[in-house]
């Protein structure tokens, strides 16, 4: 049987306030085309369908259209809820949708109840383990202590027990949404450490033929049978080097696995630029990046005038600006700010403060005059107040 393993769609998410809905729609067009053209027998969606518990209407409509298109192809879909989803909302109508070939697995109590798929070689038991927040499911799995490892282990015990009762030769697939040890995280995954240690060992999933993971946004292989598909789009600049894709997985009659990465469409590349503003605006080597989403880190010692507007003239899709000034020539970075000011009078401290917050550009003569006049005025006011007592 051939599966298409995907996850972390995050429908409704934006990128630095830029809507990604069109890009998400393009990915789902691509997904439907792959299913139709590559003979996919079932689609596995390993959680985080939406970006938040109450998604915008446009994201729900896109999800609905996609399910209708997959239904028209008569290709089963097995889908679990992730930590971004509302399991209850996503699971509404699950019983009815089952009859249409869309199998929503959002209830932890159903961990040991598979979707049974069939090909020429026999049955494939497909188990969906939704995101299991330890504090919320300990009672269900009778795990009073421990975190993610404890509850996932208990859920997998149910999977193995059900599988052991099935006819010999039944193949098995598990969908799970978790942070598995050895996976590489990025900046755009929501932290799931609340409720216990987040990372779980891959050995928790022993005994099944394929584990389709979701949660981490980078496509990666933890073991031949344990893989993350990653998100179809980049959701932070930490993903700039990711190759976004899905897994096309073939499960043979004996449970053997072969997997192929299918590249996802790239709506706009990501670029992280670093340097002085003038250099970034003039460097001809950066011409290929003018159409990219840009994060620019400026190293100018003094903050340039209107840097974002000036960058946007060359890089119209600049969405993030970071300032990391180079230290002024001759500056002593080893000494603390307090140490550098020790022994100076108030006027010198004020002038040094200007240089501290505006590296490489000390107070001008006019600025020093204003500072001195201010100190003189404060002193005079203090003298008058003291004399009046």
Protein backbone atom coordinates (compact mmCIF):
# COMPACT_ATOMS: atom_id res chain seq x y z
CA UNK A 1 0.00 0.00 0.00
CA UNK A 2 1.22 3.48 -0.83
CA UNK A 3 0.77 6.26 1.74
CA UNK A 4 1.31 9.99 1.49
CA UNK A 5 2.56 11.18 4.89
CA UNK A 6 2.09 14.86 5.66
CA UNK A 7 1.57 16.99 8.78
CA UNK A 8 1.64 20.45 10.30
CA UNK A 9 -0.42 22.30 7.72
CA UNK A 10 -1.18 25.06 10.26
CA UNK A 11 -4.03 26.36 8.13
CA UNK A 12 -4.72 30.01 8.93
CA UNK A 13 -1.17 30.84 9.99
CA UNK A 14 0.59 33.98 8.80
CA UNK A 15 4.27 34.70 8.29
CA UNK A 16 5.31 37.92 10.01
CA UNK A 17 1.75 39.21 9.50
CA UNK A 18 1.67 38.12 5.84
CA UNK A 19 -1.23 35.75 5.12
CA UNK A 20 -0.15 32.31 3.93
CA UNK A 21 -3.60 31.11 2.94
CA UNK A 22 -2.88 31.28 -0.80
CA UNK A 23 0.38 29.40 -0.31
CA UNK A 24 -1.39 26.80 1.81
CA UNK A 25 -4.04 26.41 -0.89
CA UNK A 26 -1.28 25.90 -3.48
CA UNK A 27 0.27 23.18 -1.33
CA UNK A 28 -3.06 21.40 -0.97
CA UNK A 29 -3.58 21.62 -4.75
CA UNK A 30 -0.17 19.95 -5.05
CA UNK A 31 -1.10 17.30 -2.48
CA UNK A 32 -4.31 16.38 -4.29
CA UNK A 33 -2.39 16.17 -7.59
CA UNK A 34 0.23 13.86 -6.05
CA UNK A 35 -2.51 11.62 -4.66
CA UNK A 36 -4.16 11.41 -8.09
CA UNK A 37 -0.98 10.99 -10.13
CA UNK A 38 1.11 8.71 -7.93
CA UNK A 39 -1.45 6.06 -7.04
CA UNK A 40 -1.66 6.93 -3.36
CA UNK A 41 -3.76 4.47 -1.37
CA UNK A 42 -4.25 6.61 1.76
CA UNK A 43 -3.29 10.06 3.05
CA UNK A 44 -1.85 10.33 6.58
CA UNK A 45 -2.06 13.74 8.27
CA UNK A 46 -0.11 13.69 11.55
CA UNK A 47 -1.66 16.64 13.35
CA UNK A 48 -1.68 20.45 13.50
CA UNK A 49 -4.20 20.73 10.72
CA UNK A 50 -5.01 24.25 11.94
CA UNK A 51 -2.77 26.82 13.55
CA UNK A 52 -5.07 27.53 16.47
CA UNK A 53 -8.02 26.03 18.29
CA UNK A 54 -10.53 28.40 16.69
CA UNK A 55 -9.28 28.84 13.11
CA UNK A 56 -10.45 31.59 10.77
CA UNK A 57 -13.38 30.77 8.49
CA UNK A 58 -11.21 30.91 5.35
CA UNK A 59 -8.94 28.19 6.78
CA UNK A 60 -11.93 25.99 7.61
CA UNK A 61 -13.30 26.44 4.08
CA UNK A 62 -9.93 25.46 2.59
CA UNK A 63 -9.86 22.34 4.77
CA UNK A 64 -13.41 21.46 3.75
CA UNK A 65 -12.65 21.86 0.03
CA UNK A 66 -9.58 19.66 0.32
CA UNK A 67 -11.49 16.85 2.03
CA UNK A 68 -14.15 16.99 -0.67
CA UNK A 69 -11.48 16.73 -3.38
CA UNK A 70 -9.80 13.76 -1.72
CA UNK A 71 -13.20 12.16 -1.20
CA UNK A 72 -13.93 12.54 -4.89
CA UNK A 73 -10.75 10.54 -5.59
CA UNK A 74 -12.01 7.83 -3.22
CA UNK A 75 -8.74 7.91 -1.31
CA UNK A 76 -9.03 7.35 2.46
CA UNK A 77 -7.66 10.03 4.78
CA UNK A 78 -6.46 9.28 8.32
CA UNK A 79 -5.96 12.42 10.37
CA UNK A 80 -5.09 13.14 14.01
CA UNK A 81 -5.28 16.34 16.03
CA UNK A 82 -2.07 18.12 17.07
CA UNK A 83 -1.22 20.42 19.94
CA UNK A 84 -2.37 23.47 17.91
CA UNK A 85 -5.75 21.94 17.09
CA UNK A 86 -8.87 21.78 19.21
CA UNK A 87 -9.37 18.03 19.30
CA UNK A 88 -13.09 18.39 19.99
CA UNK A 89 -13.71 20.87 17.20
CA UNK A 90 -11.65 18.94 14.67
CA UNK A 91 -13.40 15.74 15.66
CA UNK A 92 -16.95 17.03 15.15
CA UNK A 93 -18.81 14.68 12.80
CA UNK A 94 -16.05 12.05 12.92
CA UNK A 95 -18.57 9.19 12.85
CA UNK A 96 -20.28 10.49 9.75
CA UNK A 97 -17.01 11.36 8.03
CA UNK A 98 -15.76 7.82 8.61
CA UNK A 99 -18.38 6.64 6.13
CA UNK A 100 -16.95 9.01 3.52
CA UNK A 101 -13.41 7.70 4.03
CA UNK A 102 -12.19 10.59 6.21
CA UNK A 103 -11.06 9.11 9.50
CA UNK A 104 -10.55 11.73 12.23
CA UNK A 105 -8.77 10.39 15.27
CA UNK A 106 -8.96 13.06 17.98
CA UNK A 107 -10.11 11.06 21.04
CA UNK A 108 -7.29 9.49 23.14
CA UNK A 109 -9.68 6.74 24.23
CA UNK A 110 -9.64 5.38 20.68
CA UNK A 111 -5.86 4.86 20.54
CA UNK A 112 -6.22 1.10 20.21
CA UNK A 113 -8.99 1.20 17.59
CA UNK A 114 -7.46 1.22 14.10
CA UNK A 115 -8.74 2.31 10.74
CA UNK A 116 -8.58 -0.89 8.70
CA UNK A 117 -7.33 -0.36 5.17
CA UNK A 118 -6.99 -3.12 2.60
CA UNK A 119 -4.93 -3.78 -0.49
CA UNK A 120 -4.12 -6.89 -2.54
CA UNK A 121 -1.82 -8.17 0.21
CA UNK A 122 -4.38 -7.91 3.00
CA UNK A 123 -5.16 -5.54 5.85
CA UNK A 124 -3.23 -2.56 7.19
CA UNK A 125 -4.25 -1.46 10.70
CA UNK A 126 -3.77 2.31 10.91
CA UNK A 127 -3.77 3.69 14.48
CA UNK A 128 -4.18 7.41 15.13
CA UNK A 129 -2.71 8.78 18.37
CA UNK A 130 -3.76 12.42 18.72
CA UNK A 131 -1.55 14.81 20.65
CA UNK A 132 -1.57 13.51 24.23
CA UNK A 133 -1.19 16.24 26.84
CA UNK A 134 -0.11 14.30 29.97
CA UNK A 135 -2.09 16.40 32.44
CA UNK A 136 -5.30 15.78 30.50
CA UNK A 137 -5.00 12.07 29.64
CA UNK A 138 -3.33 10.50 32.68
CA UNK A 139 -6.68 9.27 33.99
CA UNK A 140 -7.56 7.72 30.63
CA UNK A 141 -4.27 5.83 30.48
CA UNK A 142 -3.92 5.28 34.25
CA UNK A 143 -0.49 6.93 34.39
CA UNK A 144 -0.44 8.99 37.62
CA UNK A 145 3.25 9.79 37.20
CA UNK A 146 5.42 10.74 34.26
CA UNK A 147 4.96 12.93 31.24
CA UNK A 148 4.80 12.43 27.51
CA UNK A 149 6.76 9.16 27.52
CA UNK A 150 4.37 7.60 30.05
CA UNK A 151 1.16 8.46 28.20
CA UNK A 152 2.52 7.60 24.75
CA UNK A 153 3.84 4.29 26.09
CA UNK A 154 0.40 3.50 27.50
CA UNK A 155 -1.26 4.40 24.21
CA UNK A 156 1.20 2.22 22.30
CA UNK A 157 0.52 -0.66 24.69
CA UNK A 158 -3.10 -0.50 23.50
CA UNK A 159 -1.93 -0.45 19.89
CA UNK A 160 0.26 -3.52 20.36
CA UNK A 161 -2.47 -5.37 22.25
CA UNK A 162 -4.98 -4.78 19.47
CA UNK A 163 -2.45 -5.70 16.79
CA UNK A 164 -1.56 -8.95 18.58
CA UNK A 165 -5.21 -10.02 18.43
CA UNK A 166 -5.43 -9.54 14.68
CA UNK A 167 -4.67 -12.19 12.01
CA UNK A 168 -1.02 -12.92 11.34
CA UNK A 169 0.36 -10.78 8.53
CA UNK A 170 -1.69 -7.70 9.43
CA UNK A 171 0.57 -4.73 8.75
CA UNK A 172 0.54 -1.64 10.96
CA UNK A 173 0.92 2.11 10.79
CA UNK A 174 0.82 4.61 13.67
CA UNK A 175 0.24 8.36 13.41
CA UNK A 176 1.51 10.40 16.38
CA UNK A 177 2.07 14.05 17.20
CA UNK A 178 5.03 14.30 19.55
CA UNK A 179 8.62 15.44 20.05
CA UNK A 180 10.65 12.27 19.59
CA UNK A 181 14.24 12.11 20.84
CA UNK A 182 16.71 12.83 18.06
CA UNK A 183 14.40 15.16 16.17
CA UNK A 184 15.65 18.64 15.24
CA UNK A 185 13.36 21.47 16.32
CA UNK A 186 12.94 24.96 14.84
CA UNK A 187 11.64 28.25 16.23
CA UNK A 188 8.09 27.84 14.97
CA UNK A 189 6.90 24.81 16.94
CA UNK A 190 4.92 25.55 20.06
CA UNK A 191 6.64 24.33 23.23
CA UNK A 192 4.98 21.18 24.64
CA UNK A 193 7.11 20.80 27.80
CA UNK A 194 4.21 21.75 30.07
CA UNK A 195 2.93 18.56 31.68
CA UNK A 196 6.23 16.69 31.64
CA UNK A 197 9.46 16.24 29.72
CA UNK A 198 8.63 16.83 26.06
CA UNK A 199 10.96 14.38 24.34
CA UNK A 200 10.02 10.69 24.04
CA UNK A 201 12.32 7.90 22.82
CA UNK A 202 11.66 6.35 19.44
CA UNK A 203 11.65 2.93 21.12
CA UNK A 204 8.16 3.78 22.43
CA UNK A 205 6.88 2.96 18.92
CA UNK A 206 8.50 -0.47 18.65
CA UNK A 207 6.46 -3.23 17.06
CA UNK A 208 4.78 -1.40 14.15
CA UNK A 209 5.75 -1.19 10.51
CA UNK A 210 5.65 2.60 10.03
CA UNK A 211 5.34 5.63 12.33
CA UNK A 212 4.10 8.85 10.69
CA UNK A 213 5.11 11.69 13.00
CA UNK A 214 4.00 15.29 13.22
CA UNK A 215 5.00 18.31 15.34
CA UNK A 216 8.56 19.11 14.21
CA UNK A 217 8.65 21.25 11.09
CA UNK A 218 11.74 19.79 9.46
CA UNK A 219 11.40 16.65 7.33
CA UNK A 220 13.62 14.03 8.98
CA UNK A 221 14.21 10.32 9.38
CA UNK A 222 14.79 9.13 12.95
CA UNK A 223 14.84 5.48 11.87
CA UNK A 224 13.84 3.67 8.70
CA UNK A 225 10.32 3.22 10.09
CA UNK A 226 10.03 6.43 12.12
CA UNK A 227 9.83 9.69 10.18
CA UNK A 228 8.68 13.30 10.37
CA UNK A 229 7.18 14.74 7.21
CA UNK A 230 7.68 18.30 8.48
CA UNK A 231 5.52 21.29 7.65
CA UNK A 232 4.75 21.97 3.97
CA UNK A 233 5.70 25.65 4.33
CA UNK A 234 8.34 27.54 6.30
CA UNK A 235 6.78 29.23 9.31
CA UNK A 236 9.90 30.96 10.69
CA UNK A 237 13.29 32.09 9.41
CA UNK A 238 14.85 29.24 11.39
CA UNK A 239 13.42 27.04 8.61
CA UNK A 240 15.19 28.93 5.82
CA UNK A 241 17.40 25.93 5.00
CA UNK A 242 14.58 23.36 5.14
CA UNK A 243 13.59 21.39 2.07
CA UNK A 244 9.81 21.19 2.42
CA UNK A 245 8.26 17.93 1.30
CA UNK A 246 5.98 15.00 2.04
CA UNK A 247 6.85 11.30 2.31
CA UNK A 248 5.56 8.88 -0.28
CA UNK A 249 5.78 5.58 1.61
CA UNK A 250 5.35 2.11 0.11
CA UNK A 251 4.48 -0.67 2.55
CA UNK A 252 4.94 -4.06 0.92
CA UNK A 253 3.16 -7.34 1.67
CA UNK A 254 5.68 -8.32 4.36
CA UNK A 255 5.80 -4.93 6.08
CA UNK A 256 8.92 -3.75 4.27
CA UNK A 257 9.28 0.03 3.81
CA UNK A 258 10.54 2.26 1.04
CA UNK A 259 10.11 6.02 1.13
CA UNK A 260 10.50 8.88 -1.33
CA UNK A 261 10.47 12.60 -0.61
CA UNK A 262 8.10 14.63 -2.77
CA UNK A 263 9.05 18.29 -2.81
CA UNK A 264 6.35 20.81 -1.89
CA UNK A 265 5.90 24.01 -3.91
CA UNK A 266 7.84 27.01 -2.57
CA UNK A 267 5.72 30.17 -2.66
CA UNK A 268 8.66 32.44 -1.89
CA UNK A 269 12.17 31.56 -0.67
CA UNK A 270 13.50 32.79 2.67
CA UNK A 271 16.73 34.76 3.05
CA UNK A 272 18.62 35.89 6.15
CA UNK A 273 20.87 38.87 5.39
CA UNK A 274 23.55 40.22 7.71
CA UNK A 275 25.65 43.35 7.33
CA UNK A 276 25.67 47.13 7.16
CA UNK A 277 22.66 48.73 5.50
CA UNK A 278 24.68 50.39 2.75
CA UNK A 279 26.34 47.09 1.88
CA UNK A 280 23.03 45.22 1.73
CA UNK A 281 21.57 47.84 -0.56
CA UNK A 282 24.53 47.81 -2.93
CA UNK A 283 25.82 44.21 -2.99
CA UNK A 284 25.14 42.75 -6.48
CA UNK A 285 25.45 39.21 -5.10
CA UNK A 286 22.12 39.72 -3.32
CA UNK A 287 20.17 40.35 -6.54
CA UNK A 288 18.72 36.78 -6.62
CA UNK A 289 17.21 37.39 -3.16
CA UNK A 290 15.24 40.49 -4.09
CA UNK A 291 12.06 38.41 -4.45
CA UNK A 292 12.54 36.49 -1.19
CA UNK A 293 11.05 37.00 2.22
CA UNK A 294 13.92 38.71 3.99
CA UNK A 295 15.13 38.93 7.55
CA UNK A 296 17.84 41.59 7.71
CA UNK A 297 20.27 41.89 10.61
CA UNK A 298 21.96 45.30 10.49
CA UNK A 299 25.43 45.65 11.96
CA UNK A 300 25.77 49.43 11.56
CA UNK A 301 27.32 50.95 14.68
CA UNK A 302 24.75 53.78 14.52
CA UNK A 303 21.14 52.99 13.70
CA UNK A 304 20.47 54.14 10.11
CA UNK A 305 17.62 56.48 9.20
CA UNK A 306 14.42 54.65 8.13
CA UNK A 307 16.18 51.30 7.56
CA UNK A 308 13.03 49.27 6.90
CA UNK A 309 11.77 51.64 4.21
CA UNK A 310 15.16 51.76 2.53
CA UNK A 311 15.51 47.98 2.58
CA UNK A 312 12.02 47.59 1.13
CA UNK A 313 13.04 49.62 -1.93
CA UNK A 314 15.37 46.78 -2.91
CA UNK A 315 13.78 43.87 -1.02
CA UNK A 316 10.02 44.51 -1.20
CA UNK A 317 9.28 41.42 0.89
CA UNK A 318 11.47 42.28 3.88
CA UNK A 319 9.42 41.32 6.93
CA UNK A 320 11.90 41.26 9.81
CA UNK A 321 14.58 43.70 10.95
CA UNK A 322 17.15 42.98 13.66
CA UNK A 323 19.84 45.31 14.99
CA UNK A 324 23.16 43.80 16.07
CA UNK A 325 25.68 46.69 15.98
CA UNK A 326 29.34 45.88 15.57
CA UNK A 327 31.33 47.07 18.58
CA UNK A 328 32.95 50.45 18.12
CA UNK A 329 36.63 50.34 17.24
CA UNK A 330 38.70 50.23 20.42
CA UNK A 331 35.71 49.46 22.64
CA UNK A 332 36.43 47.32 25.68
CA UNK A 333 33.75 44.64 25.61
CA UNK A 334 35.24 42.85 28.61
CA UNK A 335 34.34 45.65 31.04
CA UNK A 336 30.80 46.13 32.24
CA UNK A 337 28.93 49.34 31.52
CA UNK A 338 29.13 50.25 35.22
CA UNK A 339 32.91 49.68 35.25
CA UNK A 340 33.38 51.92 32.24
CA UNK A 341 31.49 54.77 33.97
CA UNK A 342 33.19 54.52 37.33
CA UNK A 343 35.05 57.75 38.25
CA UNK A 344 33.22 59.98 35.75
CA UNK A 345 31.09 62.95 36.67
CA UNK A 346 27.41 63.31 35.76
CA UNK A 347 28.09 65.17 32.52
CA UNK A 348 30.59 62.57 31.34
CA UNK A 349 28.21 59.75 32.28
CA UNK A 350 25.45 61.33 30.20
CA UNK A 351 27.77 61.75 27.22
CA UNK A 352 29.04 58.18 27.60
CA UNK A 353 25.44 56.94 27.72
CA UNK A 354 24.77 58.53 24.34
CA UNK A 355 27.78 56.70 22.92
CA UNK A 356 26.69 53.47 24.61
CA UNK A 357 23.22 53.40 23.06
CA UNK A 358 24.45 54.80 19.76
CA UNK A 359 27.66 52.82 19.12
CA UNK A 360 30.26 54.60 17.05
CA UNK A 361 28.58 58.01 17.34
CA UNK A 362 29.44 60.05 20.44
CA UNK A 363 27.42 63.07 21.52
CA UNK A 364 27.85 66.05 19.21
CA UNK A 365 28.84 69.52 20.44
CA UNK A 366 25.20 70.65 20.28
CA UNK A 367 24.03 67.58 22.18
CA UNK A 368 26.69 68.11 24.85
CA UNK A 369 25.56 71.72 25.23
CA UNK A 370 21.96 70.59 25.77
CA UNK A 371 23.07 68.01 28.33
CA UNK A 372 25.22 70.50 30.20
CA UNK A 373 22.41 73.06 30.28
CA UNK A 374 20.02 70.42 31.62
CA UNK A 375 22.39 69.46 34.41
CA UNK A 376 22.96 73.12 35.27
CA UNK A 377 19.20 73.69 35.42
CA UNK A 378 18.68 70.68 37.69
CA UNK A 379 21.44 71.79 40.01
CA UNK A 380 20.06 75.33 40.15
CA UNK A 381 16.60 74.00 40.95
CA UNK A 382 18.06 71.83 43.69
CA UNK A 383 19.90 74.78 45.22
CA UNK A 384 16.73 76.93 45.20
CA UNK A 385 14.73 74.12 46.83
CA UNK A 386 17.39 73.62 49.52
CA UNK A 387 17.57 77.38 50.21
CA UNK A 388 13.77 77.61 50.59
CA UNK A 389 13.61 74.99 53.37
